[in-house]
PDB file of N, CA and C in Angstrom:
ATOM      1  N   UNK A   1      -2.580  31.982 -10.460  1.00  0.00           N
ATOM      2  CA  UNK A   1      -2.850  30.727  -9.784  1.00  0.00           C
ATOM      3  C   UNK A   1      -3.793  30.965  -8.606  1.00  0.00           C
ATOM      4  N   UNK A   2      -4.966  30.375  -8.647  1.00  0.00           N
ATOM      5  CA  UNK A   2      -5.923  30.562  -7.566  1.00  0.00           C
ATOM      6  C   UNK A   2      -5.738  29.536  -6.466  1.00  0.00           C
ATOM      7  N   UNK A   3      -6.452  29.704  -5.360  1.00  0.00           N
ATOM      8  CA  UNK A   3      -6.322  28.785  -4.240  1.00  0.00           C
ATOM      9  C   UNK A   3      -6.704  27.346  -4.588  1.00  0.00           C
ATOM     10  N   UNK A   4      -7.678  27.157  -5.491  1.00  0.00           N
ATOM     11  CA  UNK A   4      -8.076  25.791  -5.827  1.00  0.00           C
ATOM     12  C   UNK A   4      -6.984  25.072  -6.610  1.00  0.00           C
ATOM     13  N   UNK A   5      -6.216  25.809  -7.400  1.00  0.00           N
ATOM     14  CA  UNK A   5      -5.135  25.205  -8.166  1.00  0.00           C
ATOM     15  C   UNK A   5      -4.084  24.625  -7.233  1.00  0.00           C
ATOM     16  N   UNK A   6      -3.778  25.322  -6.175  1.00  0.00           N
ATOM     17  CA  UNK A   6      -2.781  24.850  -5.218  1.00  0.00           C
ATOM     18  C   UNK A   6      -3.301  23.675  -4.403  1.00  0.00           C
ATOM     19  N   UNK A   7      -4.582  23.589  -4.189  1.00  0.00           N
ATOM     20  CA  UNK A   7      -5.150  22.539  -3.351  1.00  0.00           C
ATOM     21  C   UNK A   7      -5.315  21.213  -4.072  1.00  0.00           C
ATOM     22  N   UNK A   8      -5.514  21.231  -5.372  1.00  0.00           N
ATOM     23  CA  UNK A   8      -5.773  19.993  -6.111  1.00  0.00           C
ATOM     24  C   UNK A   8      -4.693  18.934  -5.918  1.00  0.00           C
ATOM     25  N   UNK A   9      -3.400  19.246  -6.114  1.00  0.00           N
ATOM     26  CA  UNK A   9      -2.391  18.199  -5.912  1.00  0.00           C
ATOM     27  C   UNK A   9      -2.371  17.686  -4.475  1.00  0.00           C
ATOM     28  N   UNK A  10      -2.594  18.555  -3.514  1.00  0.00           N
ATOM     29  CA  UNK A  10      -2.594  18.133  -2.113  1.00  0.00           C
ATOM     30  C   UNK A  10      -3.741  17.152  -1.862  1.00  0.00           C
ATOM     31  N   UNK A  11      -4.894  17.419  -2.429  1.00  0.00           N
ATOM     32  CA  UNK A  11      -6.037  16.522  -2.237  1.00  0.00           C
ATOM     33  C   UNK A  11      -5.783  15.156  -2.855  1.00  0.00           C
ATOM     34  N   UNK A  12      -5.262  15.135  -4.074  1.00  0.00           N
ATOM     35  CA  UNK A  12      -5.008  13.849  -4.706  1.00  0.00           C
ATOM     36  C   UNK A  12      -3.909  13.102  -3.956  1.00  0.00           C
ATOM     37  N   UNK A  13      -2.940  13.834  -3.418  1.00  0.00           N
ATOM     38  CA  UNK A  13      -1.883  13.210  -2.617  1.00  0.00           C
ATOM     39  C   UNK A  13      -2.476  12.647  -1.326  1.00  0.00           C
ATOM     40  N   UNK A  14      -3.387  13.395  -0.698  1.00  0.00           N
ATOM     41  CA  UNK A  14      -4.039  12.923   0.520  1.00  0.00           C
ATOM     42  C   UNK A  14      -4.849  11.663   0.252  1.00  0.00           C
ATOM     43  N   UNK A  15      -5.564  11.634  -0.853  1.00  0.00           N
ATOM     44  CA  UNK A  15      -6.380  10.468  -1.206  1.00  0.00           C
ATOM     45  C   UNK A  15      -5.482   9.263  -1.465  1.00  0.00           C
ATOM     46  N   UNK A  16      -4.407   9.464  -2.203  1.00  0.00           N
ATOM     47  CA  UNK A  16      -3.476   8.365  -2.486  1.00  0.00           C
ATOM     48  C   UNK A  16      -2.861   7.855  -1.185  1.00  0.00           C
ATOM     49  N   UNK A  17      -2.529   8.739  -0.288  1.00  0.00           N
ATOM     50  CA  UNK A  17      -1.976   8.337   1.005  1.00  0.00           C
ATOM     51  C   UNK A  17      -2.975   7.539   1.826  1.00  0.00           C
ATOM     52  N   UNK A  18      -4.223   7.969   1.799  1.00  0.00           N
ATOM     53  CA  UNK A  18      -5.278   7.253   2.514  1.00  0.00           C
ATOM     54  C   UNK A  18      -5.469   5.871   1.918  1.00  0.00           C
ATOM     55  N   UNK A  19      -5.520   5.798   0.576  1.00  0.00           N
ATOM     56  CA  UNK A  19      -5.675   4.505  -0.100  1.00  0.00           C
ATOM     57  C   UNK A  19      -4.501   3.585   0.214  1.00  0.00           C
ATOM     58  N   UNK A  20      -3.294   4.128   0.172  1.00  0.00           N
ATOM     59  CA  UNK A  20      -2.111   3.318   0.450  1.00  0.00           C
ATOM     60  C   UNK A  20      -2.142   2.795   1.882  1.00  0.00           C
ATOM     61  N   UNK A  21      -2.541   3.622   2.821  1.00  0.00           N
ATOM     62  CA  UNK A  21      -2.632   3.184   4.209  1.00  0.00           C
ATOM     63  C   UNK A  21      -3.598   2.023   4.383  1.00  0.00           C
ATOM     64  N   UNK A  22      -4.747   2.098   3.720  1.00  0.00           N
ATOM     65  CA  UNK A  22      -5.717   1.005   3.801  1.00  0.00           C
ATOM     66  C   UNK A  22      -5.147  -0.289   3.223  1.00  0.00           C
ATOM     67  N   UNK A  23      -4.462  -0.174   2.105  1.00  0.00           N
ATOM     68  CA  UNK A  23      -3.881  -1.350   1.463  1.00  0.00           C
ATOM     69  C   UNK A  23      -2.772  -1.952   2.322  1.00  0.00           C
ATOM     70  N   UNK A  24      -1.958  -1.113   2.926  1.00  0.00           N
ATOM     71  CA  UNK A  24      -0.894  -1.611   3.798  1.00  0.00           C
ATOM     72  C   UNK A  24      -1.481  -2.355   5.001  1.00  0.00           C
ATOM     73  N   UNK A  25      -2.511  -1.793   5.594  1.00  0.00           N
ATOM     74  CA  UNK A  25      -3.151  -2.449   6.750  1.00  0.00           C
ATOM     75  C   UNK A  25      -3.815  -3.761   6.357  1.00  0.00           C
ATOM     76  N   UNK A  26      -4.175  -3.887   5.076  1.00  0.00           N
ATOM     77  CA  UNK A  26      -4.800  -5.122   4.601  1.00  0.00           C
ATOM     78  C   UNK A  26      -3.763  -6.179   4.223  1.00  0.00           C
ATOM     79  N   UNK A  27      -2.469  -5.822   4.305  1.00  0.00           N
ATOM     80  CA  UNK A  27      -1.434  -6.804   4.054  1.00  0.00           C
ATOM     81  C   UNK A  27      -0.728  -6.705   2.710  1.00  0.00           C
ATOM     82  N   UNK A  28      -0.993  -5.640   1.957  1.00  0.00           N
ATOM     83  CA  UNK A  28      -0.330  -5.463   0.665  1.00  0.00           C
ATOM     84  C   UNK A  28       1.128  -5.064   0.863  1.00  0.00           C
ATOM     85  N   UNK A  29       1.981  -5.539  -0.025  1.00  0.00           N
ATOM     86  CA  UNK A  29       3.378  -5.150  -0.058  1.00  0.00           C
ATOM     87  C   UNK A  29       3.446  -3.627  -0.244  1.00  0.00           C
ATOM     88  N   UNK A  30       4.382  -2.938   0.431  1.00  0.00           N
ATOM     89  CA  UNK A  30       4.441  -1.472   0.316  1.00  0.00           C
ATOM     90  C   UNK A  30       4.569  -0.956  -1.116  1.00  0.00           C
ATOM     91  N   UNK A  31       5.368  -1.607  -1.929  1.00  0.00           N
ATOM     92  CA  UNK A  31       5.547  -1.152  -3.320  1.00  0.00           C
ATOM     93  C   UNK A  31       4.251  -1.332  -4.121  1.00  0.00           C
ATOM     94  N   UNK A  32       3.605  -2.476  -3.949  1.00  0.00           N
ATOM     95  CA  UNK A  32       2.343  -2.745  -4.641  1.00  0.00           C
ATOM     96  C   UNK A  32       1.261  -1.782  -4.148  1.00  0.00           C
ATOM     97  N   UNK A  33       1.204  -1.569  -2.848  1.00  0.00           N
ATOM     98  CA  UNK A  33       0.207  -0.654  -2.275  1.00  0.00           C
ATOM     99  C   UNK A  33       0.372   0.751  -2.832  1.00  0.00           C
ATOM    100  N   UNK A  34       1.618   1.198  -2.975  1.00  0.00           N
ATOM    101  CA  UNK A  34       1.868   2.545  -3.500  1.00  0.00           C
ATOM    102  C   UNK A  34       1.374   2.670  -4.934  1.00  0.00           C
ATOM    103  N   UNK A  35       1.673   1.671  -5.750  1.00  0.00           N
ATOM    104  CA  UNK A  35       1.225   1.717  -7.142  1.00  0.00           C
ATOM    105  C   UNK A  35      -0.277   1.659  -7.282  1.00  0.00           C
ATOM    106  N   UNK A  36      -0.904   0.790  -6.519  1.00  0.00           N
ATOM    107  CA  UNK A  36      -2.363   0.672  -6.579  1.00  0.00           C
ATOM    108  C   UNK A  36      -3.052   1.931  -6.070  1.00  0.00           C
ATOM    109  N   UNK A  37      -2.484   2.529  -5.035  1.00  0.00           N
ATOM    110  CA  UNK A  37      -3.079   3.730  -4.439  1.00  0.00           C
ATOM    111  C   UNK A  37      -3.090   4.893  -5.425  1.00  0.00           C
ATOM    112  N   UNK A  38      -2.099   4.953  -6.278  1.00  0.00           N
ATOM    113  CA  UNK A  38      -2.004   6.063  -7.236  1.00  0.00           C
ATOM    114  C   UNK A  38      -2.844   5.861  -8.476  1.00  0.00           C
ATOM    115  N   UNK A  39      -3.306   4.641  -8.718  1.00  0.00           N
ATOM    116  CA  UNK A  39      -4.060   4.333  -9.933  1.00  0.00           C
ATOM    117  C   UNK A  39      -5.561   4.440  -9.652  1.00  0.00           C
ATOM    118  N   UNK A  40      -6.162   5.508 -10.138  1.00  0.00           N
ATOM    119  CA  UNK A  40      -7.584   5.756  -9.877  1.00  0.00           C
ATOM    120  C   UNK A  40      -8.490   4.722 -10.542  1.00  0.00           C
ATOM    121  N   UNK A  41      -7.949   3.939 -11.488  1.00  0.00           N
ATOM    122  CA  UNK A  41      -8.758   2.907 -12.145  1.00  0.00           C
ATOM    123  C   UNK A  41      -8.972   1.687 -11.257  1.00  0.00           C
ATOM    124  N   UNK A  42      -8.180   1.572 -10.194  1.00  0.00           N
ATOM    125  CA  UNK A  42      -8.260   0.413  -9.300  1.00  0.00           C
ATOM    126  C   UNK A  42      -9.390   0.618  -8.301  1.00  0.00           C
ATOM    127  N   UNK A  43     -10.274  -0.364  -8.220  1.00  0.00           N
ATOM    128  CA  UNK A  43     -11.390  -0.323  -7.276  1.00  0.00           C
ATOM    129  C   UNK A  43     -10.896  -0.801  -5.915  1.00  0.00           C
ATOM    130  N   UNK A  44     -10.599   0.150  -5.061  1.00  0.00           N
ATOM    131  CA  UNK A  44     -10.045  -0.142  -3.742  1.00  0.00           C
ATOM    132  C   UNK A  44     -10.963  -1.040  -2.920  1.00  0.00           C
ATOM    133  N   UNK A  45     -12.240  -0.758  -2.947  1.00  0.00           N
ATOM    134  CA  UNK A  45     -13.191  -1.536  -2.140  1.00  0.00           C
ATOM    135  C   UNK A  45     -13.266  -2.982  -2.613  1.00  0.00           C
ATOM    136  N   UNK A  46     -13.239  -3.193  -3.912  1.00  0.00           N
ATOM    137  CA  UNK A  46     -13.255  -4.560  -4.429  1.00  0.00           C
ATOM    138  C   UNK A  46     -11.984  -5.306  -4.041  1.00  0.00           C
ATOM    139  N   UNK A  47     -10.843  -4.622  -4.087  1.00  0.00           N
ATOM    140  CA  UNK A  47      -9.586  -5.242  -3.655  1.00  0.00           C
ATOM    141  C   UNK A  47      -9.675  -5.694  -2.201  1.00  0.00           C
ATOM    142  N   UNK A  48     -10.140  -4.798  -1.353  1.00  0.00           N
ATOM    143  CA  UNK A  48     -10.218  -5.105   0.075  1.00  0.00           C
ATOM    144  C   UNK A  48     -11.235  -6.211   0.360  1.00  0.00           C
ATOM    145  N   UNK A  49     -12.311  -6.257  -0.407  1.00  0.00           N
ATOM    146  CA  UNK A  49     -13.288  -7.331  -0.233  1.00  0.00           C
ATOM    147  C   UNK A  49     -12.682  -8.685  -0.575  1.00  0.00           C
ATOM    148  N   UNK A  50     -11.919  -8.755  -1.654  1.00  0.00           N
ATOM    149  CA  UNK A  50     -11.267 -10.012  -2.021  1.00  0.00           C
ATOM    150  C   UNK A  50     -10.312 -10.468  -0.918  1.00  0.00           C
ATOM    151  N   UNK A  51      -9.520  -9.547  -0.407  1.00  0.00           N
ATOM    152  CA  UNK A  51      -8.567  -9.885   0.658  1.00  0.00           C
ATOM    153  C   UNK A  51      -9.308 -10.315   1.921  1.00  0.00           C
ATOM    154  N   UNK A  52     -10.391  -9.625   2.245  1.00  0.00           N
ATOM    155  CA  UNK A  52     -11.195 -10.002   3.420  1.00  0.00           C
ATOM    156  C   UNK A  52     -11.755 -11.413   3.291  1.00  0.00           C
ATOM    157  N   UNK A  53     -11.966 -11.844   2.059  1.00  0.00           N
ATOM    158  CA  UNK A  53     -12.512 -13.194   1.821  1.00  0.00           C
ATOM    159  C   UNK A  53     -11.416 -14.247   1.679  1.00  0.00           C
ATOM    160  N   UNK A  54     -10.158 -13.842   1.923  1.00  0.00           N
ATOM    161  CA  UNK A  54      -9.069 -14.804   1.936  1.00  0.00           C
ATOM    162  C   UNK A  54      -8.171 -14.818   0.723  1.00  0.00           C
ATOM    163  N   UNK A  55      -8.418 -13.949  -0.234  1.00  0.00           N
ATOM    164  CA  UNK A  55      -7.581 -13.884  -1.429  1.00  0.00           C
ATOM    165  C   UNK A  55      -6.264 -13.190  -1.070  1.00  0.00           C
ATOM    166  N   UNK A  56      -5.130 -13.770  -1.454  1.00  0.00           N
ATOM    167  CA  UNK A  56      -3.851 -13.093  -1.203  1.00  0.00           C
ATOM    168  C   UNK A  56      -3.813 -11.733  -1.921  1.00  0.00           C
ATOM    169  N   UNK A  57      -3.214 -10.726  -1.300  1.00  0.00           N
ATOM    170  CA  UNK A  57      -3.190  -9.385  -1.896  1.00  0.00           C
ATOM    171  C   UNK A  57      -2.655  -9.333  -3.330  1.00  0.00           C
ATOM    172  N   UNK A  58      -1.585 -10.041  -3.617  1.00  0.00           N
ATOM    173  CA  UNK A  58      -1.023 -10.000  -4.961  1.00  0.00           C
ATOM    174  C   UNK A  58      -2.005 -10.568  -5.993  1.00  0.00           C
ATOM    175  N   UNK A  59      -2.666 -11.649  -5.639  1.00  0.00           N
ATOM    176  CA  UNK A  59      -3.656 -12.243  -6.539  1.00  0.00           C
ATOM    177  C   UNK A  59      -4.853 -11.313  -6.713  1.00  0.00           C
ATOM    178  N   UNK A  60      -5.306 -10.693  -5.638  1.00  0.00           N
ATOM    179  CA  UNK A  60      -6.425  -9.750  -5.724  1.00  0.00           C
ATOM    180  C   UNK A  60      -6.083  -8.609  -6.681  1.00  0.00           C
ATOM    181  N   UNK A  61      -4.854  -8.115  -6.600  1.00  0.00           N
ATOM    182  CA  UNK A  61      -4.425  -7.024  -7.489  1.00  0.00           C
ATOM    183  C   UNK A  61      -4.405  -7.491  -8.938  1.00  0.00           C
ATOM    184  N   UNK A  62      -3.984  -8.716  -9.175  1.00  0.00           N
ATOM    185  CA  UNK A  62      -3.957  -9.239 -10.548  1.00  0.00           C
ATOM    186  C   UNK A  62      -5.365  -9.453 -11.087  1.00  0.00           C
ATOM    187  N   UNK A  63      -6.259  -9.959 -10.247  1.00  0.00           N
ATOM    188  CA  UNK A  63      -7.637 -10.216 -10.668  1.00  0.00           C
ATOM    189  C   UNK A  63      -8.325  -8.913 -11.074  1.00  0.00           C
ATOM    190  N   UNK A  64      -8.086  -7.869 -10.321  1.00  0.00           N
ATOM    191  CA  UNK A  64      -8.780  -6.602 -10.556  1.00  0.00           C
ATOM    192  C   UNK A  64      -7.954  -5.588 -11.340  1.00  0.00           C
ATOM    193  N   UNK A  65      -6.832  -6.008 -11.903  1.00  0.00           N
ATOM    194  CA  UNK A  65      -5.991  -5.079 -12.670  1.00  0.00           C
ATOM    195  C   UNK A  65      -6.759  -4.528 -13.857  1.00  0.00           C
ATOM    196  N   UNK A  66      -6.721  -3.217 -14.048  1.00  0.00           N
ATOM    197  CA  UNK A  66      -7.385  -2.623 -15.208  1.00  0.00           C
ATOM    198  C   UNK A  66      -6.752  -3.121 -16.503  1.00  0.00           C
ATOM    199  N   UNK A  67      -7.566  -3.362 -17.493  1.00  0.00           N
ATOM    200  CA  UNK A  67      -7.070  -3.785 -18.791  1.00  0.00           C
ATOM    201  C   UNK A  67      -6.662  -2.573 -19.610  1.00  0.00           C
ATOM    202  N   UNK A  68      -5.546  -2.685 -20.291  1.00  0.00           N
ATOM    203  CA  UNK A  68      -5.115  -1.642 -21.218  1.00  0.00           C
ATOM    204  C   UNK A  68      -5.864  -1.838 -22.535  1.00  0.00           C
ATOM    205  N   UNK A  69      -5.921  -0.803 -23.328  1.00  0.00           N
ATOM    206  CA  UNK A  69      -6.599  -0.889 -24.632  1.00  0.00           C
ATOM    207  C   UNK A  69      -5.973  -1.972 -25.497  1.00  0.00           C
ATOM    208  N   UNK A  70      -4.665  -2.148 -25.414  1.00  0.00           N
ATOM    209  CA  UNK A  70      -3.986  -3.174 -26.208  1.00  0.00           C
ATOM    210  C   UNK A  70      -4.484  -4.561 -25.848  1.00  0.00           C
ATOM    211  N   UNK A  71      -4.785  -4.794 -24.595  1.00  0.00           N
ATOM    212  CA  UNK A  71      -5.273  -6.089 -24.144  1.00  0.00           C
ATOM    213  C   UNK A  71      -6.698  -6.346 -24.618  1.00  0.00           C
ATOM    214  N   UNK A  72      -7.417  -5.273 -24.906  1.00  0.00           N
ATOM    215  CA  UNK A  72      -8.799  -5.403 -25.349  1.00  0.00           C
ATOM    216  C   UNK A  72      -8.906  -5.601 -26.857  1.00  0.00           C
ATOM    217  N   UNK A  73      -7.802  -5.412 -27.558  1.00  0.00           N
ATOM    218  CA  UNK A  73      -7.817  -5.557 -29.009  1.00  0.00           C
ATOM    219  C   UNK A  73      -8.407  -4.372 -29.725  1.00  0.00           C
ATOM    220  N   UNK A  74      -8.398  -3.193 -29.067  1.00  0.00           N
ATOM    221  CA  UNK A  74      -8.938  -1.988 -29.706  1.00  0.00           C
ATOM    222  C   UNK A  74      -7.846  -1.040 -30.085  1.00  0.00           C
TER     223      UNK A  74
END
């Protein structure tokens, strides 16, 4: 196990923590913020832009929710 192997989980944890902090400060529910922060498919900046423009956090998360393959019919 090299040094980079040990650092990878810490970095992704740090990024998720940073993302969650931004979402919490923007008014997201803690549980929703945690889930969104861990999902790399979620465009954090687009979420925050919607909220800045007056969209409620829960609605912003629904609008920008990634589609699963089943939803696409593939």
